[in-house]
């Protein structure tokens, strides 16, 4: 078993110990159910960003959006 994995029953009995370990190491822990990954416990990371900052740079600017586009102008078609 991977060191970053633990069964549900073991997690239940040692949850506080695992929480402290996750906080100290910054690494996530996978909780398994019958050997299959069921949950991931990871440290909280504050990722608040402005909605427009998330989109910034992802939108292409079109100077004349009503102009026709040729078949060869589409990147997906190539």
N, C-alpha and C. Protein backbone atom coordinates (compact mmCIF):
# COMPACT_ATOMS: atom_id res chain seq x y z
N UNK A 1 0.85 -1.20 0.00
CA UNK A 1 0.00 0.00 0.00
C UNK A 1 0.88 1.25 0.00
N UNK A 2 0.52 2.22 -0.77
CA UNK A 2 1.23 3.49 -0.87
C UNK A 2 1.21 4.21 0.49
N UNK A 3 2.27 4.92 0.84
CA UNK A 3 2.32 5.63 2.12
C UNK A 3 1.32 6.78 2.17
N UNK A 4 0.83 7.25 1.00
CA UNK A 4 -0.16 8.33 0.97
C UNK A 4 -1.57 7.78 0.93
N UNK A 5 -1.74 6.50 1.21
CA UNK A 5 -3.06 5.88 1.23
C UNK A 5 -3.30 5.22 2.57
N UNK A 6 -4.57 5.22 2.96
CA UNK A 6 -4.96 4.59 4.22
C UNK A 6 -6.40 4.10 4.08
N UNK A 7 -6.72 2.99 4.72
CA UNK A 7 -8.08 2.46 4.65
C UNK A 7 -9.02 3.31 5.49
N UNK A 8 -10.31 3.22 5.19
CA UNK A 8 -11.31 3.98 5.95
C UNK A 8 -11.27 3.64 7.44
N UNK A 9 -11.13 2.37 7.75
CA UNK A 9 -11.14 1.96 9.16
C UNK A 9 -9.93 2.50 9.89
N UNK A 10 -8.76 2.48 9.26
CA UNK A 10 -7.57 3.03 9.90
C UNK A 10 -7.68 4.55 10.02
N UNK A 11 -8.22 5.20 8.98
CA UNK A 11 -8.39 6.64 9.03
C UNK A 11 -9.32 7.03 10.18
N UNK A 12 -10.39 6.27 10.35
CA UNK A 12 -11.36 6.56 11.42
C UNK A 12 -10.70 6.52 12.79
N UNK A 13 -9.87 5.54 13.03
CA UNK A 13 -9.26 5.40 14.35
C UNK A 13 -8.11 6.37 14.59
N UNK A 14 -7.51 6.92 13.51
CA UNK A 14 -6.35 7.79 13.69
C UNK A 14 -6.51 9.13 12.96
N UNK A 15 -7.75 9.60 12.80
CA UNK A 15 -8.04 10.79 12.01
C UNK A 15 -7.25 12.02 12.46
N UNK A 16 -7.21 12.32 13.74
CA UNK A 16 -6.50 13.51 14.22
C UNK A 16 -5.01 13.43 13.91
N UNK A 17 -4.45 12.24 14.05
CA UNK A 17 -3.03 12.04 13.72
C UNK A 17 -2.79 12.32 12.22
N UNK A 18 -3.68 11.81 11.38
CA UNK A 18 -3.55 12.05 9.93
C UNK A 18 -3.73 13.52 9.59
N UNK A 19 -4.69 14.18 10.25
CA UNK A 19 -4.89 15.62 10.01
C UNK A 19 -3.62 16.41 10.32
N UNK A 20 -2.99 16.11 11.45
CA UNK A 20 -1.75 16.80 11.82
C UNK A 20 -0.64 16.52 10.81
N UNK A 21 -0.56 15.29 10.35
CA UNK A 21 0.44 14.90 9.37
C UNK A 21 0.23 15.65 8.05
N UNK A 22 -1.00 15.75 7.61
CA UNK A 22 -1.32 16.46 6.37
C UNK A 22 -1.00 17.94 6.50
N UNK A 23 -1.36 18.54 7.63
CA UNK A 23 -1.06 19.96 7.86
C UNK A 23 0.44 20.21 7.87
N UNK A 24 1.20 19.33 8.48
CA UNK A 24 2.65 19.52 8.60
C UNK A 24 3.37 19.30 7.27
N UNK A 25 2.95 18.28 6.54
CA UNK A 25 3.67 17.92 5.31
C UNK A 25 3.15 18.67 4.08
N UNK A 26 1.89 19.07 4.11
CA UNK A 26 1.29 19.71 2.94
C UNK A 26 0.90 18.73 1.86
N UNK A 27 1.06 17.44 2.11
CA UNK A 27 0.72 16.41 1.12
C UNK A 27 -0.67 15.86 1.40
N UNK A 28 -1.32 15.42 0.33
CA UNK A 28 -2.66 14.87 0.48
C UNK A 28 -2.61 13.41 0.91
N UNK A 29 -3.75 12.92 1.35
CA UNK A 29 -3.88 11.53 1.80
C UNK A 29 -5.09 10.94 1.10
N UNK A 30 -4.94 9.77 0.51
CA UNK A 30 -6.03 9.08 -0.15
C UNK A 30 -6.61 8.07 0.83
N UNK A 31 -7.91 8.14 1.04
CA UNK A 31 -8.61 7.19 1.90
C UNK A 31 -9.26 6.16 0.98
N UNK A 32 -8.99 4.89 1.26
CA UNK A 32 -9.48 3.83 0.39
C UNK A 32 -10.65 3.08 1.02
N UNK A 33 -11.47 2.51 0.16
CA UNK A 33 -12.59 1.66 0.58
C UNK A 33 -12.43 0.34 -0.16
N UNK A 34 -12.13 -0.72 0.56
CA UNK A 34 -11.86 -2.03 -0.03
C UNK A 34 -10.75 -1.95 -1.07
N UNK A 35 -9.70 -1.17 -0.75
CA UNK A 35 -8.54 -1.06 -1.61
C UNK A 35 -8.67 -0.09 -2.77
N UNK A 36 -9.84 0.52 -2.95
CA UNK A 36 -10.04 1.45 -4.05
C UNK A 36 -10.12 2.88 -3.49
N UNK A 37 -9.47 3.83 -4.14
CA UNK A 37 -9.51 5.22 -3.66
C UNK A 37 -10.95 5.72 -3.58
N UNK A 38 -11.30 6.31 -2.43
CA UNK A 38 -12.66 6.81 -2.22
C UNK A 38 -12.67 8.31 -1.93
N UNK A 39 -11.69 8.78 -1.17
CA UNK A 39 -11.64 10.19 -0.77
C UNK A 39 -10.21 10.69 -0.82
N UNK A 40 -10.08 11.99 -0.96
CA UNK A 40 -8.77 12.62 -0.85
C UNK A 40 -8.87 13.70 0.22
N UNK A 41 -7.99 13.64 1.20
CA UNK A 41 -7.92 14.65 2.24
C UNK A 41 -6.66 15.45 1.97
N UNK A 42 -6.81 16.76 1.79
CA UNK A 42 -5.66 17.59 1.45
C UNK A 42 -5.71 18.89 2.22
N UNK A 43 -4.58 19.58 2.33
CA UNK A 43 -4.56 20.84 3.05
C UNK A 43 -5.39 21.88 2.31
N UNK A 44 -5.98 22.78 3.06
CA UNK A 44 -6.76 23.87 2.47
C UNK A 44 -5.82 24.89 1.89
N UNK A 45 -6.12 25.33 0.68
CA UNK A 45 -5.35 26.40 0.04
C UNK A 45 -6.32 27.47 -0.39
N UNK A 46 -6.14 28.66 0.11
CA UNK A 46 -7.01 29.77 -0.24
C UNK A 46 -6.69 30.20 -1.67
N UNK A 47 -7.62 30.02 -2.55
CA UNK A 47 -7.40 30.35 -3.96
C UNK A 47 -8.42 31.37 -4.46
N UNK A 48 -8.77 32.32 -3.62
CA UNK A 48 -9.74 33.31 -4.06
C UNK A 48 -9.10 34.22 -5.10
N UNK A 49 -9.77 34.32 -6.22
CA UNK A 49 -9.32 35.18 -7.30
C UNK A 49 -10.55 35.89 -7.86
N UNK A 50 -10.29 37.01 -8.47
CA UNK A 50 -11.35 37.74 -9.13
C UNK A 50 -11.78 36.95 -10.37
N UNK A 51 -13.08 36.87 -10.63
CA UNK A 51 -13.55 36.10 -11.79
C UNK A 51 -12.92 36.55 -13.10
N UNK A 52 -12.73 37.83 -13.29
CA UNK A 52 -12.12 38.31 -14.54
C UNK A 52 -10.65 37.95 -14.63
N UNK A 53 -9.96 37.85 -13.49
CA UNK A 53 -8.55 37.45 -13.50
C UNK A 53 -8.40 36.01 -14.00
N UNK A 54 -9.37 35.16 -13.68
CA UNK A 54 -9.33 33.77 -14.12
C UNK A 54 -9.41 33.70 -15.64
N UNK A 55 -10.23 34.57 -16.25
CA UNK A 55 -10.42 34.56 -17.70
C UNK A 55 -9.40 35.39 -18.47
N UNK A 56 -8.68 36.26 -17.77
CA UNK A 56 -7.75 37.16 -18.44
C UNK A 56 -6.73 36.38 -19.28
N UNK A 57 -6.61 36.78 -20.53
CA UNK A 57 -5.67 36.13 -21.43
C UNK A 57 -6.22 34.90 -22.14
N UNK A 58 -7.43 34.49 -21.81
CA UNK A 58 -7.97 33.28 -22.43
C UNK A 58 -8.92 33.59 -23.58
N UNK A 59 -9.30 34.84 -23.75
CA UNK A 59 -10.24 35.21 -24.79
C UNK A 59 -9.48 35.86 -25.94
N UNK A 60 -9.77 35.42 -27.15
CA UNK A 60 -9.14 35.99 -28.33
C UNK A 60 -9.94 37.20 -28.77
N UNK A 61 -9.25 38.22 -29.19
CA UNK A 61 -9.92 39.45 -29.61
C UNK A 61 -10.21 39.38 -31.10
N UNK A 62 -11.42 39.72 -31.46
CA UNK A 62 -11.83 39.78 -32.86
C UNK A 62 -12.17 41.24 -33.18
N UNK A 63 -11.45 41.80 -34.13
CA UNK A 63 -11.70 43.19 -34.52
C UNK A 63 -13.01 43.33 -35.29
N UNK A 64 -13.32 42.36 -36.15
CA UNK A 64 -14.54 42.39 -36.96
C UNK A 64 -15.28 41.06 -36.80
N UNK A 65 -15.99 40.88 -35.72
CA UNK A 65 -16.60 39.58 -35.45
C UNK A 65 -17.67 39.18 -36.46
N UNK A 66 -18.18 40.11 -37.26
CA UNK A 66 -19.22 39.76 -38.23
C UNK A 66 -18.65 39.39 -39.60
N UNK A 67 -17.32 39.53 -39.79
CA UNK A 67 -16.71 39.16 -41.06
C UNK A 67 -16.74 37.64 -41.23
N UNK A 68 -16.92 37.17 -42.46
CA UNK A 68 -16.90 35.72 -42.68
C UNK A 68 -15.52 35.13 -42.40
N UNK A 69 -15.52 33.88 -41.98
CA UNK A 69 -14.28 33.19 -41.67
C UNK A 69 -14.10 32.07 -42.67
N UNK A 70 -12.91 31.98 -43.25
CA UNK A 70 -12.63 30.94 -44.23
C UNK A 70 -12.41 29.59 -43.57
N UNK A 71 -12.58 28.53 -44.34
CA UNK A 71 -12.42 27.18 -43.81
C UNK A 71 -11.02 26.94 -43.27
N UNK A 72 -9.99 27.55 -43.87
CA UNK A 72 -8.61 27.36 -43.43
C UNK A 72 -8.24 28.23 -42.23
N UNK A 73 -9.15 29.10 -41.80
CA UNK A 73 -8.87 29.98 -40.67
C UNK A 73 -9.10 29.29 -39.33
N UNK A 74 -9.72 28.13 -39.30
CA UNK A 74 -10.02 27.42 -38.06
C UNK A 74 -8.85 26.52 -37.69
N UNK A 75 -8.31 26.69 -36.49
CA UNK A 75 -7.22 25.83 -36.04
C UNK A 75 -7.68 24.38 -35.85
N UNK A 76 -8.92 24.20 -35.43
CA UNK A 76 -9.44 22.85 -35.16
C UNK A 76 -9.58 22.05 -36.44
N UNK A 77 -9.72 22.70 -37.58
CA UNK A 77 -9.90 22.01 -38.85
C UNK A 77 -8.59 21.47 -39.39
N UNK A 78 -7.47 21.87 -38.81
CA UNK A 78 -6.17 21.49 -39.34
C UNK A 78 -5.58 20.30 -38.61
